[in-house]
């Protein structure tokens, strides 16, 4: 399938400040984190150094991005992140734009591969704090655009499964926790998942969720944002209007038929807006913040029932009960529980 090259030139109005143009460049570069940008190759440059400058016809800055195909380019153009940047920093300030897209011919695809070279050793990603080299396995690869392959949580966990490594999911309560996770993940060149609780939707509100997602997706490593333990339907309803990468629907306290029915319906709805869903079967001992403590002991997940449950619900991830607990482990950790 032919690579698509996307080129856009920008001509700002004369009164637009240099400071605004610097912010414009910095924010536009963050779009390289989108999975629909091929191997995260997106360049923004300017001002023009064309000689004579008149040949630039007033266009001062240029964006060049690579996409696996036309559908990937369409997803890029339709993404929330793209709309936020252009609506905030581009359209109100420009005099004109010039766009040109083309498909790379088969005989020239090797040249695109040369542009992408270095992926075996690592790719150079620039962020606000400087330049870091990220191993390819730590980057989100645009494997295809059909859901759930286009979903960030799904990509992070698929990469972990294939690479046989674990990914930490960290519960964050405020912006300090969010930034700490991002900085640590970037320092270790590791993917991560930031988890919020449903009470965050009510206490800190939807704008805080949008901030967390924006900060996580702007990182130089893949960081997904997950809403943990949605018990109430009204929390699910609100979550599906927000830019979460994934949510957990916790109906484990219901009987299995009701659990299946609730999860299946919400998995269908979440999939339509590009959100993947984690479910739980069995009962994990202990409790977490904002959740009722259920003093009924653990009920371990039966593998066969789990397969049937996942098939019936269409969920993407499963939280099994196998001796793990919510909360602190006793002395000896997992080994003390025979795991």
C-alpha atoms as a PDB file:
ATOM      1  CA  UNK A   1       0.000   0.000   0.000  1.00  0.00           C
ATOM      2  CA  UNK A   2       1.421   3.397  -1.003  1.00  0.00           C
ATOM      3  CA  UNK A   3       2.745   5.806   1.601  1.00  0.00           C
ATOM      4  CA  UNK A   4       1.000   9.182   1.500  1.00  0.00           C
ATOM      5  CA  UNK A   5       3.018  12.372   1.965  1.00  0.00           C
ATOM      6  CA  UNK A   6       1.057  15.314   3.394  1.00  0.00           C
ATOM      7  CA  UNK A   7       2.435  18.840   2.859  1.00  0.00           C
ATOM      8  CA  UNK A   8       0.929  22.055   4.204  1.00  0.00           C
ATOM      9  CA  UNK A   9       2.359  25.581   3.894  1.00  0.00           C
ATOM     10  CA  UNK A  10       1.177  28.375   6.197  1.00  0.00           C
ATOM     11  CA  UNK A  11       1.036  32.121   5.536  1.00  0.00           C
ATOM     12  CA  UNK A  12       0.359  34.089   8.707  1.00  0.00           C
ATOM     13  CA  UNK A  13      -1.127  37.551   8.790  1.00  0.00           C
ATOM     14  CA  UNK A  14       1.536  40.299   9.122  1.00  0.00           C
ATOM     15  CA  UNK A  15       0.550  41.270  12.679  1.00  0.00           C
ATOM     16  CA  UNK A  16       0.961  37.749  14.119  1.00  0.00           C
ATOM     17  CA  UNK A  17       3.800  37.691  16.648  1.00  0.00           C
ATOM     18  CA  UNK A  18       6.952  35.597  16.609  1.00  0.00           C
ATOM     19  CA  UNK A  19       5.945  34.168  20.001  1.00  0.00           C
ATOM     20  CA  UNK A  20       2.680  32.853  18.569  1.00  0.00           C
ATOM     21  CA  UNK A  21       4.510  31.214  15.678  1.00  0.00           C
ATOM     22  CA  UNK A  22       6.876  29.476  18.100  1.00  0.00           C
ATOM     23  CA  UNK A  23       3.926  28.063  20.057  1.00  0.00           C
ATOM     24  CA  UNK A  24       2.293  27.051  16.767  1.00  0.00           C
ATOM     25  CA  UNK A  25       5.379  25.059  15.736  1.00  0.00           C
ATOM     26  CA  UNK A  26       5.777  23.394  19.130  1.00  0.00           C
ATOM     27  CA  UNK A  27       2.148  22.302  19.366  1.00  0.00           C
ATOM     28  CA  UNK A  28       1.973  21.163  15.751  1.00  0.00           C
ATOM     29  CA  UNK A  29       5.003  18.918  16.261  1.00  0.00           C
ATOM     30  CA  UNK A  30       3.147  17.058  18.996  1.00  0.00           C
ATOM     31  CA  UNK A  31       0.847  15.568  16.351  1.00  0.00           C
ATOM     32  CA  UNK A  32       3.646  13.114  15.549  1.00  0.00           C
ATOM     33  CA  UNK A  33       2.388  11.109  18.539  1.00  0.00           C
ATOM     34  CA  UNK A  34      -0.784  10.155  16.641  1.00  0.00           C
ATOM     35  CA  UNK A  35      -0.804   6.510  15.578  1.00  0.00           C
ATOM     36  CA  UNK A  36      -1.900   7.520  12.082  1.00  0.00           C
ATOM     37  CA  UNK A  37       1.422   9.314  11.466  1.00  0.00           C
ATOM     38  CA  UNK A  38       3.728   6.726   9.933  1.00  0.00           C
ATOM     39  CA  UNK A  39       6.528   5.884  12.362  1.00  0.00           C
ATOM     40  CA  UNK A  40       5.882   9.302  13.960  1.00  0.00           C
ATOM     41  CA  UNK A  41       7.532  11.135  11.066  1.00  0.00           C
ATOM     42  CA  UNK A  42       6.102  14.643  11.049  1.00  0.00           C
ATOM     43  CA  UNK A  43       8.256  17.727  10.466  1.00  0.00           C
ATOM     44  CA  UNK A  44       7.471  21.391  10.972  1.00  0.00           C
ATOM     45  CA  UNK A  45       9.919  23.994   9.676  1.00  0.00           C
ATOM     46  CA  UNK A  46      10.281  27.691   9.109  1.00  0.00           C
ATOM     47  CA  UNK A  47      10.593  30.503   8.521  1.00  0.00           C
ATOM     48  CA  UNK A  48      11.386  30.059   4.847  1.00  0.00           C
ATOM     49  CA  UNK A  49      15.010  30.460   3.734  1.00  0.00           C
ATOM     50  CA  UNK A  50      14.142  30.362   0.028  1.00  0.00           C
ATOM     51  CA  UNK A  51      16.315  32.684  -2.070  1.00  0.00           C
ATOM     52  CA  UNK A  52      14.905  34.860  -3.424  1.00  0.00           C
ATOM     53  CA  UNK A  53      12.296  34.916  -0.649  1.00  0.00           C
ATOM     54  CA  UNK A  54       9.645  36.153  -3.080  1.00  0.00           C
ATOM     55  CA  UNK A  55       9.446  32.623  -4.475  1.00  0.00           C
ATOM     56  CA  UNK A  56       7.903  31.499  -1.176  1.00  0.00           C
ATOM     57  CA  UNK A  57       4.941  33.761  -2.027  1.00  0.00           C
ATOM     58  CA  UNK A  58       4.593  34.769   1.607  1.00  0.00           C
ATOM     59  CA  UNK A  59       4.378  31.221   2.993  1.00  0.00           C
ATOM     60  CA  UNK A  60       6.561  31.144   6.089  1.00  0.00           C
ATOM     61  CA  UNK A  61       6.166  27.686   7.633  1.00  0.00           C
ATOM     62  CA  UNK A  62       5.684  24.178   6.317  1.00  0.00           C
ATOM     63  CA  UNK A  63       4.503  20.837   7.718  1.00  0.00           C
ATOM     64  CA  UNK A  64       5.436  17.496   6.137  1.00  0.00           C
ATOM     65  CA  UNK A  65       4.016  14.241   7.485  1.00  0.00           C
ATOM     66  CA  UNK A  66       4.000  10.623   6.329  1.00  0.00           C
ATOM     67  CA  UNK A  67       1.005   8.272   6.506  1.00  0.00           C
ATOM     68  CA  UNK A  68       0.539   4.600   5.689  1.00  0.00           C
ATOM     69  CA  UNK A  69      -2.327   5.315   3.292  1.00  0.00           C
ATOM     70  CA  UNK A  70      -5.092   7.785   2.478  1.00  0.00           C
ATOM     71  CA  UNK A  71      -7.284   6.406   5.249  1.00  0.00           C
ATOM     72  CA  UNK A  72      -4.520   7.141   7.751  1.00  0.00           C
ATOM     73  CA  UNK A  73      -4.310  10.707   6.463  1.00  0.00           C
ATOM     74  CA  UNK A  74      -8.086  11.064   6.848  1.00  0.00           C
ATOM     75  CA  UNK A  75      -7.855   9.847  10.447  1.00  0.00           C
ATOM     76  CA  UNK A  76      -5.074  12.342  11.121  1.00  0.00           C
ATOM     77  CA  UNK A  77      -7.180  15.194   9.733  1.00  0.00           C
ATOM     78  CA  UNK A  78     -10.242  14.115  11.725  1.00  0.00           C
ATOM     79  CA  UNK A  79      -8.429  13.584  15.037  1.00  0.00           C
ATOM     80  CA  UNK A  80      -9.375  15.628  18.086  1.00  0.00           C
ATOM     81  CA  UNK A  81      -5.736  16.629  18.562  1.00  0.00           C
ATOM     82  CA  UNK A  82      -5.474  17.996  15.013  1.00  0.00           C
ATOM     83  CA  UNK A  83      -8.691  19.985  15.387  1.00  0.00           C
ATOM     84  CA  UNK A  84      -7.584  21.431  18.726  1.00  0.00           C
ATOM     85  CA  UNK A  85      -4.258  22.686  17.342  1.00  0.00           C
ATOM     86  CA  UNK A  86      -5.643  24.116  14.112  1.00  0.00           C
ATOM     87  CA  UNK A  87      -8.696  25.727  15.715  1.00  0.00           C
ATOM     88  CA  UNK A  88      -6.624  27.309  18.469  1.00  0.00           C
ATOM     89  CA  UNK A  89      -3.388  28.279  16.702  1.00  0.00           C
ATOM     90  CA  UNK A  90      -3.903  28.193  12.928  1.00  0.00           C
ATOM     91  CA  UNK A  91      -7.250  29.229  11.476  1.00  0.00           C
ATOM     92  CA  UNK A  92      -7.755  32.449  13.466  1.00  0.00           C
ATOM     93  CA  UNK A  93      -4.258  33.710  12.574  1.00  0.00           C
ATOM     94  CA  UNK A  94      -3.489  32.809   8.978  1.00  0.00           C
ATOM     95  CA  UNK A  95      -3.939  34.631   5.731  1.00  0.00           C
ATOM     96  CA  UNK A  96      -3.813  31.440   3.660  1.00  0.00           C
ATOM     97  CA  UNK A  97      -2.675  27.811   3.569  1.00  0.00           C
ATOM     98  CA  UNK A  98      -1.571  25.639   0.685  1.00  0.00           C
ATOM     99  CA  UNK A  99      -2.003  21.861   0.948  1.00  0.00           C
ATOM    100  CA  UNK A 100      -0.579  19.154  -1.315  1.00  0.00           C
ATOM    101  CA  UNK A 101      -0.851  15.379  -0.768  1.00  0.00           C
ATOM    102  CA  UNK A 102       0.524  12.591  -2.936  1.00  0.00           C
ATOM    103  CA  UNK A 103       0.966   8.837  -2.927  1.00  0.00           C
ATOM    104  CA  UNK A 104       4.555   7.619  -3.186  1.00  0.00           C
ATOM    105  CA  UNK A 105       5.118   5.459  -6.251  1.00  0.00           C
ATOM    106  CA  UNK A 106       6.192   1.862  -5.758  1.00  0.00           C
ATOM    107  CA  UNK A 107       9.647   2.527  -7.223  1.00  0.00           C
ATOM    108  CA  UNK A 108      10.187   5.338  -4.695  1.00  0.00           C
ATOM    109  CA  UNK A 109       8.964   3.516  -1.565  1.00  0.00           C
ATOM    110  CA  UNK A 110      12.550   2.538  -0.755  1.00  0.00           C
ATOM    111  CA  UNK A 111      13.349   6.233  -0.446  1.00  0.00           C
ATOM    112  CA  UNK A 112      10.628   6.571   2.186  1.00  0.00           C
ATOM    113  CA  UNK A 113      12.175   3.608   3.975  1.00  0.00           C
ATOM    114  CA  UNK A 114      15.497   5.434   3.941  1.00  0.00           C
ATOM    115  CA  UNK A 115      13.821   8.447   5.516  1.00  0.00           C
ATOM    116  CA  UNK A 116      12.548   6.086   8.223  1.00  0.00           C
ATOM    117  CA  UNK A 117      15.916   4.370   8.642  1.00  0.00           C
ATOM    118  CA  UNK A 118      17.310   4.055  12.103  1.00  0.00           C
ATOM    119  CA  UNK A 119      14.150   2.399  13.401  1.00  0.00           C
ATOM    120  CA  UNK A 120      16.162  -0.716  14.212  1.00  0.00           C
ATOM    121  CA  UNK A 121      18.334   1.229  16.631  1.00  0.00           C
ATOM    122  CA  UNK A 122      15.903   3.910  17.732  1.00  0.00           C
ATOM    123  CA  UNK A 123      14.167   7.064  16.534  1.00  0.00           C
ATOM    124  CA  UNK A 124      14.992  10.609  17.568  1.00  0.00           C
ATOM    125  CA  UNK A 125      11.985  12.331  19.102  1.00  0.00           C
ATOM    126  CA  UNK A 126      12.184  15.941  20.193  1.00  0.00           C
ATOM    127  CA  UNK A 127      10.092  17.256  23.045  1.00  0.00           C
ATOM    128  CA  UNK A 128       9.943  20.456  25.075  1.00  0.00           C
ATOM    129  CA  UNK A 129      12.812  19.378  27.310  1.00  0.00           C
ATOM    130  CA  UNK A 130      15.254  18.448  24.526  1.00  0.00           C
ATOM    131  CA  UNK A 131      16.084  15.439  22.380  1.00  0.00           C
ATOM    132  CA  UNK A 132      15.929  11.815  23.468  1.00  0.00           C
ATOM    133  CA  UNK A 133      16.447   8.567  21.590  1.00  0.00           C
ATOM    134  CA  UNK A 134      13.551   6.155  21.978  1.00  0.00           C
ATOM    135  CA  UNK A 135      13.885   2.459  21.015  1.00  0.00           C
ATOM    136  CA  UNK A 136      11.410   1.435  18.338  1.00  0.00           C
ATOM    137  CA  UNK A 137       9.685  -1.068  20.619  1.00  0.00           C
ATOM    138  CA  UNK A 138       8.771   1.864  22.869  1.00  0.00           C
ATOM    139  CA  UNK A 139       7.031   3.729  20.079  1.00  0.00           C
ATOM    140  CA  UNK A 140       3.519   3.357  18.791  1.00  0.00           C
ATOM    141  CA  UNK A 141       3.613   1.855  15.341  1.00  0.00           C
ATOM    142  CA  UNK A 142       0.784   2.612  12.938  1.00  0.00           C
ATOM    143  CA  UNK A 143      -0.135  -0.998  12.197  1.00  0.00           C
ATOM    144  CA  UNK A 144      -3.482  -0.208  10.662  1.00  0.00           C
ATOM    145  CA  UNK A 145      -6.355   2.056  11.358  1.00  0.00           C
ATOM    146  CA  UNK A 146      -9.206  -0.303  12.082  1.00  0.00           C
ATOM    147  CA  UNK A 147     -10.380  -0.226  15.671  1.00  0.00           C
ATOM    148  CA  UNK A 148      -9.015  -1.408  18.070  1.00  0.00           C
ATOM    149  CA  UNK A 149      -5.586  -1.282  16.369  1.00  0.00           C
ATOM    150  CA  UNK A 150      -5.825   2.517  16.288  1.00  0.00           C
ATOM    151  CA  UNK A 151      -6.395   2.694  20.060  1.00  0.00           C
ATOM    152  CA  UNK A 152      -3.460   3.752  22.244  1.00  0.00           C
ATOM    153  CA  UNK A 153      -4.095   1.455  25.228  1.00  0.00           C
ATOM    154  CA  UNK A 154      -4.523  -1.460  22.855  1.00  0.00           C
ATOM    155  CA  UNK A 155      -1.252  -0.648  21.085  1.00  0.00           C
ATOM    156  CA  UNK A 156       0.681  -0.285  24.355  1.00  0.00           C
ATOM    157  CA  UNK A 157      -0.558  -3.638  25.677  1.00  0.00           C
ATOM    158  CA  UNK A 158      -0.165  -5.434  22.352  1.00  0.00           C
ATOM    159  CA  UNK A 159       3.440  -4.275  22.155  1.00  0.00           C
ATOM    160  CA  UNK A 160       3.994  -5.445  25.737  1.00  0.00           C
ATOM    161  CA  UNK A 161       2.463  -8.834  24.996  1.00  0.00           C
ATOM    162  CA  UNK A 162       4.619  -9.326  21.909  1.00  0.00           C
ATOM    163  CA  UNK A 163       7.739  -8.055  23.667  1.00  0.00           C
ATOM    164  CA  UNK A 164       6.992 -10.078  26.823  1.00  0.00           C
ATOM    165  CA  UNK A 165       7.313  -7.148  29.204  1.00  0.00           C
ATOM    166  CA  UNK A 166       4.963  -5.480  31.686  1.00  0.00           C
ATOM    167  CA  UNK A 167       3.605  -1.939  31.516  1.00  0.00           C
ATOM    168  CA  UNK A 168       2.922  -0.007  34.711  1.00  0.00           C
ATOM    169  CA  UNK A 169      -0.528   1.541  35.208  1.00  0.00           C
ATOM    170  CA  UNK A 170      -0.351   4.356  37.752  1.00  0.00           C
ATOM    171  CA  UNK A 171      -3.263   5.854  39.660  1.00  0.00           C
ATOM    172  CA  UNK A 172      -3.007   9.656  39.619  1.00  0.00           C
ATOM    173  CA  UNK A 173      -4.914  12.034  41.856  1.00  0.00           C
ATOM    174  CA  UNK A 174      -3.710  15.447  40.662  1.00  0.00           C
ATOM    175  CA  UNK A 175      -1.489  17.164  38.115  1.00  0.00           C
ATOM    176  CA  UNK A 176       1.640  16.505  40.201  1.00  0.00           C
ATOM    177  CA  UNK A 177       1.071  12.763  39.902  1.00  0.00           C
ATOM    178  CA  UNK A 178       0.354  13.026  36.184  1.00  0.00           C
ATOM    179  CA  UNK A 179       3.548  14.961  35.445  1.00  0.00           C
ATOM    180  CA  UNK A 180       5.588  12.644  37.691  1.00  0.00           C
ATOM    181  CA  UNK A 181       4.459   9.585  35.717  1.00  0.00           C
ATOM    182  CA  UNK A 182       5.156  11.283  32.380  1.00  0.00           C
ATOM    183  CA  UNK A 183       8.634  12.452  33.392  1.00  0.00           C
ATOM    184  CA  UNK A 184       9.550   9.052  34.849  1.00  0.00           C
ATOM    185  CA  UNK A 185       8.304   7.212  31.752  1.00  0.00           C
ATOM    186  CA  UNK A 186      10.248   9.559  29.477  1.00  0.00           C
ATOM    187  CA  UNK A 187      13.398   9.199  31.585  1.00  0.00           C
ATOM    188  CA  UNK A 188      13.162   5.398  31.442  1.00  0.00           C
ATOM    189  CA  UNK A 189      12.040   5.442  27.790  1.00  0.00           C
ATOM    190  CA  UNK A 190       9.106   3.260  28.807  1.00  0.00           C
ATOM    191  CA  UNK A 191       5.438   3.193  27.844  1.00  0.00           C
ATOM    192  CA  UNK A 192       2.957   3.696  30.682  1.00  0.00           C
ATOM    193  CA  UNK A 193      -0.723   3.979  31.523  1.00  0.00           C
ATOM    194  CA  UNK A 194      -2.151   6.792  33.653  1.00  0.00           C
ATOM    195  CA  UNK A 195      -5.273   5.731  35.543  1.00  0.00           C
ATOM    196  CA  UNK A 196      -7.977   8.015  36.907  1.00  0.00           C
ATOM    197  CA  UNK A 197     -10.868   7.064  39.160  1.00  0.00           C
ATOM    198  CA  UNK A 198     -14.529   7.894  38.463  1.00  0.00           C
ATOM    199  CA  UNK A 199     -14.627  10.383  41.335  1.00  0.00           C
ATOM    200  CA  UNK A 200     -12.168  12.474  39.305  1.00  0.00           C
ATOM    201  CA  UNK A 201     -14.966  13.054  36.777  1.00  0.00           C
ATOM    202  CA  UNK A 202     -17.033  14.734  39.474  1.00  0.00           C
ATOM    203  CA  UNK A 203     -14.421  16.331  41.746  1.00  0.00           C
ATOM    204  CA  UNK A 204     -11.905  17.669  39.197  1.00  0.00           C
ATOM    205  CA  UNK A 205     -14.243  17.550  36.230  1.00  0.00           C
ATOM    206  CA  UNK A 206     -14.051  16.858  32.488  1.00  0.00           C
ATOM    207  CA  UNK A 207     -11.550  19.666  31.815  1.00  0.00           C
ATOM    208  CA  UNK A 208      -9.022  17.976  34.109  1.00  0.00           C
ATOM    209  CA  UNK A 209      -9.471  14.733  32.161  1.00  0.00           C
ATOM    210  CA  UNK A 210      -8.805  16.582  28.909  1.00  0.00           C
ATOM    211  CA  UNK A 211      -5.670  18.113  30.427  1.00  0.00           C
ATOM    212  CA  UNK A 212      -4.399  14.687  31.537  1.00  0.00           C
ATOM    213  CA  UNK A 213      -5.000  13.176  28.095  1.00  0.00           C
ATOM    214  CA  UNK A 214      -3.316  16.096  26.343  1.00  0.00           C
ATOM    215  CA  UNK A 215      -0.268  15.904  28.626  1.00  0.00           C
ATOM    216  CA  UNK A 216       0.009  12.116  28.296  1.00  0.00           C
ATOM    217  CA  UNK A 217      -0.362  12.103  24.516  1.00  0.00           C
ATOM    218  CA  UNK A 218       2.251  14.864  24.185  1.00  0.00           C
ATOM    219  CA  UNK A 219       4.908  12.747  25.887  1.00  0.00           C
ATOM    220  CA  UNK A 220       7.876  11.407  23.951  1.00  0.00           C
ATOM    221  CA  UNK A 221       6.870   7.840  24.841  1.00  0.00           C
ATOM    222  CA  UNK A 222       3.457   6.166  24.525  1.00  0.00           C
ATOM    223  CA  UNK A 223       1.288   6.975  27.558  1.00  0.00           C
ATOM    224  CA  UNK A 224      -2.372   5.963  27.514  1.00  0.00           C
ATOM    225  CA  UNK A 225      -5.071   7.307  29.831  1.00  0.00           C
ATOM    226  CA  UNK A 226      -7.469   4.812  31.407  1.00  0.00           C
ATOM    227  CA  UNK A 227     -10.554   5.313  33.573  1.00  0.00           C
ATOM    228  CA  UNK A 228     -10.505   2.633  36.249  1.00  0.00           C
ATOM    229  CA  UNK A 229     -13.473   0.874  37.851  1.00  0.00           C
ATOM    230  CA  UNK A 230     -16.596   2.449  36.377  1.00  0.00           C
ATOM    231  CA  UNK A 231     -19.377   1.011  38.544  1.00  0.00           C
ATOM    232  CA  UNK A 232     -22.161   3.517  37.886  1.00  0.00           C
ATOM    233  CA  UNK A 233     -23.796   3.824  34.487  1.00  0.00           C
ATOM    234  CA  UNK A 234     -23.741   7.625  34.740  1.00  0.00           C
ATOM    235  CA  UNK A 235     -19.938   7.493  35.041  1.00  0.00           C
ATOM    236  CA  UNK A 236     -19.757   5.361  31.907  1.00  0.00           C
ATOM    237  CA  UNK A 237     -22.039   7.795  30.092  1.00  0.00           C
ATOM    238  CA  UNK A 238     -19.798  10.749  30.942  1.00  0.00           C
ATOM    239  CA  UNK A 239     -16.586   8.832  30.208  1.00  0.00           C
ATOM    240  CA  UNK A 240     -17.755   8.073  26.667  1.00  0.00           C
ATOM    241  CA  UNK A 241     -17.945  11.807  25.962  1.00  0.00           C
ATOM    242  CA  UNK A 242     -14.317  12.343  27.022  1.00  0.00           C
ATOM    243  CA  UNK A 243     -11.032  11.504  25.239  1.00  0.00           C
ATOM    244  CA  UNK A 244     -10.097   8.463  27.342  1.00  0.00           C
ATOM    245  CA  UNK A 245      -8.113   5.786  25.557  1.00  0.00           C
ATOM    246  CA  UNK A 246      -9.818   3.072  27.603  1.00  0.00           C
ATOM    247  CA  UNK A 247     -12.185   2.521  30.511  1.00  0.00           C
ATOM    248  CA  UNK A 248     -12.873  -0.335  32.899  1.00  0.00           C
ATOM    249  CA  UNK A 249     -16.461  -1.402  33.439  1.00  0.00           C
ATOM    250  CA  UNK A 250     -16.615  -3.047  36.860  1.00  0.00           C
ATOM    251  CA  UNK A 251     -19.822  -5.050  37.128  1.00  0.00           C
ATOM    252  CA  UNK A 252     -18.204  -7.910  39.019  1.00  0.00           C
ATOM    253  CA  UNK A 253     -20.679  -7.554  41.894  1.00  0.00           C
ATOM    254  CA  UNK A 254     -23.568  -8.402  39.536  1.00  0.00           C
ATOM    255  CA  UNK A 255     -24.542 -11.926  38.598  1.00  0.00           C
ATOM    256  CA  UNK A 256     -22.804 -13.138  35.469  1.00  0.00           C
ATOM    257  CA  UNK A 257     -25.720 -12.661  33.065  1.00  0.00           C
ATOM    258  CA  UNK A 258     -26.253  -9.071  34.170  1.00  0.00           C
ATOM    259  CA  UNK A 259     -22.499  -8.487  34.040  1.00  0.00           C
ATOM    260  CA  UNK A 260     -22.392  -9.745  30.440  1.00  0.00           C
ATOM    261  CA  UNK A 261     -25.409  -7.667  29.378  1.00  0.00           C
ATOM    262  CA  UNK A 262     -24.090  -4.432  30.907  1.00  0.00           C
ATOM    263  CA  UNK A 263     -20.578  -4.879  29.555  1.00  0.00           C
ATOM    264  CA  UNK A 264     -21.620  -5.964  26.061  1.00  0.00           C
ATOM    265  CA  UNK A 265     -23.864  -2.945  25.528  1.00  0.00           C
ATOM    266  CA  UNK A 266     -21.247  -0.487  26.744  1.00  0.00           C
ATOM    267  CA  UNK A 267     -18.427  -2.161  24.808  1.00  0.00           C
ATOM    268  CA  UNK A 268     -20.429  -1.590  21.623  1.00  0.00           C
ATOM    269  CA  UNK A 269     -20.999   2.056  22.513  1.00  0.00           C
ATOM    270  CA  UNK A 270     -17.376   2.642  23.520  1.00  0.00           C
ATOM    271  CA  UNK A 271     -16.071   1.044  20.333  1.00  0.00           C
ATOM    272  CA  UNK A 272     -18.065   3.516  18.254  1.00  0.00           C
ATOM    273  CA  UNK A 273     -16.074   6.388  19.816  1.00  0.00           C
ATOM    274  CA  UNK A 274     -12.706   4.612  19.693  1.00  0.00           C
ATOM    275  CA  UNK A 275     -12.455   3.663  23.385  1.00  0.00           C
ATOM    276  CA  UNK A 276     -11.345   0.173  24.412  1.00  0.00           C
ATOM    277  CA  UNK A 277     -12.890  -1.556  27.431  1.00  0.00           C
ATOM    278  CA  UNK A 278     -11.533  -3.639  30.298  1.00  0.00           C
ATOM    279  CA  UNK A 279     -13.888  -5.927  32.216  1.00  0.00           C
ATOM    280  CA  UNK A 280     -13.667  -8.070  35.332  1.00  0.00           C
ATOM    281  CA  UNK A 281     -14.957 -11.548  36.074  1.00  0.00           C
ATOM    282  CA  UNK A 282     -14.546 -13.176  39.446  1.00  0.00           C
ATOM    283  CA  UNK A 283     -13.853 -11.058  42.503  1.00  0.00           C
ATOM    284  CA  UNK A 284     -10.509  -9.522  43.456  1.00  0.00           C
ATOM    285  CA  UNK A 285      -9.981  -9.260  47.190  1.00  0.00           C
ATOM    286  CA  UNK A 286      -9.551  -5.873  48.850  1.00  0.00           C
ATOM    287  CA  UNK A 287     -10.653  -2.381  47.817  1.00  0.00           C
ATOM    288  CA  UNK A 288      -9.508   0.736  45.978  1.00  0.00           C
ATOM    289  CA  UNK A 289     -10.152   4.453  46.356  1.00  0.00           C
ATOM    290  CA  UNK A 290     -13.717   5.410  45.615  1.00  0.00           C
ATOM    291  CA  UNK A 291     -14.887   1.801  45.529  1.00  0.00           C
ATOM    292  CA  UNK A 292     -16.992  -0.039  48.086  1.00  0.00           C
ATOM    293  CA  UNK A 293     -15.117  -2.695  50.043  1.00  0.00           C
ATOM    294  CA  UNK A 294     -16.753  -6.028  49.393  1.00  0.00           C
ATOM    295  CA  UNK A 295     -16.042  -8.385  52.302  1.00  0.00           C
ATOM    296  CA  UNK A 296     -16.899 -11.533  50.433  1.00  0.00           C
ATOM    297  CA  UNK A 297     -13.390 -12.817  49.838  1.00  0.00           C
ATOM    298  CA  UNK A 298     -11.820 -13.535  46.486  1.00  0.00           C
ATOM    299  CA  UNK A 299     -13.451 -15.602  43.766  1.00  0.00           C
ATOM    300  CA  UNK A 300     -10.799 -16.771  41.328  1.00  0.00           C
ATOM    301  CA  UNK A 301     -11.494 -16.443  37.619  1.00  0.00           C
ATOM    302  CA  UNK A 302     -12.180 -19.702  35.814  1.00  0.00           C
ATOM    303  CA  UNK A 303     -10.258 -19.680  32.486  1.00  0.00           C
ATOM    304  CA  UNK A 304     -13.043 -21.331  30.460  1.00  0.00           C
ATOM    305  CA  UNK A 305     -15.710 -18.998  31.831  1.00  0.00           C
ATOM    306  CA  UNK A 306     -13.376 -16.098  31.152  1.00  0.00           C
ATOM    307  CA  UNK A 307     -13.057 -17.083  27.482  1.00  0.00           C
ATOM    308  CA  UNK A 308     -16.842 -17.294  27.187  1.00  0.00           C
ATOM    309  CA  UNK A 309     -17.282 -13.994  29.013  1.00  0.00           C
ATOM    310  CA  UNK A 310     -14.865 -12.162  26.723  1.00  0.00           C
ATOM    311  CA  UNK A 311     -16.533 -13.669  23.667  1.00  0.00           C
ATOM    312  CA  UNK A 312     -20.012 -12.608  24.812  1.00  0.00           C
ATOM    313  CA  UNK A 313     -19.057  -9.083  25.838  1.00  0.00           C
ATOM    314  CA  UNK A 314     -16.593  -8.296  23.036  1.00  0.00           C
ATOM    315  CA  UNK A 315     -14.355  -6.604  25.626  1.00  0.00           C
ATOM    316  CA  UNK A 316     -10.715  -5.922  24.808  1.00  0.00           C
ATOM    317  CA  UNK A 317      -9.020  -6.555  28.169  1.00  0.00           C
ATOM    318  CA  UNK A 318      -9.747  -8.724  31.202  1.00  0.00           C
ATOM    319  CA  UNK A 319      -8.918  -8.119  34.877  1.00  0.00           C
ATOM    320  CA  UNK A 320      -8.724 -11.676  36.240  1.00  0.00           C
ATOM    321  CA  UNK A 321      -8.712 -12.753  39.877  1.00  0.00           C
ATOM    322  CA  UNK A 322      -5.921 -15.280  40.438  1.00  0.00           C
ATOM    323  CA  UNK A 323      -4.756 -14.430  43.959  1.00  0.00           C
ATOM    324  CA  UNK A 324      -3.911 -10.803  43.230  1.00  0.00           C
ATOM    325  CA  UNK A 325      -5.493  -8.193  45.507  1.00  0.00           C
ATOM    326  CA  UNK A 326      -6.537  -4.544  45.561  1.00  0.00           C
ATOM    327  CA  UNK A 327      -4.296  -2.783  48.046  1.00  0.00           C
ATOM    328  CA  UNK A 328      -1.119  -3.735  49.871  1.00  0.00           C
ATOM    329  CA  UNK A 329       0.179  -7.299  49.946  1.00  0.00           C
ATOM    330  CA  UNK A 330       1.160  -8.987  53.216  1.00  0.00           C
ATOM    331  CA  UNK A 331       4.845  -9.672  54.017  1.00  0.00           C
ATOM    332  CA  UNK A 332       6.277 -11.893  51.326  1.00  0.00           C
ATOM    333  CA  UNK A 333       4.185 -10.291  48.585  1.00  0.00           C
ATOM    334  CA  UNK A 334       2.758 -12.530  45.897  1.00  0.00           C
ATOM    335  CA  UNK A 335       4.752 -15.524  47.091  1.00  0.00           C
ATOM    336  CA  UNK A 336       2.936 -15.407  50.411  1.00  0.00           C
ATOM    337  CA  UNK A 337      -0.293 -16.003  48.477  1.00  0.00           C
ATOM    338  CA  UNK A 338       1.054 -18.933  46.496  1.00  0.00           C
ATOM    339  CA  UNK A 339       1.388 -16.977  43.230  1.00  0.00           C
END
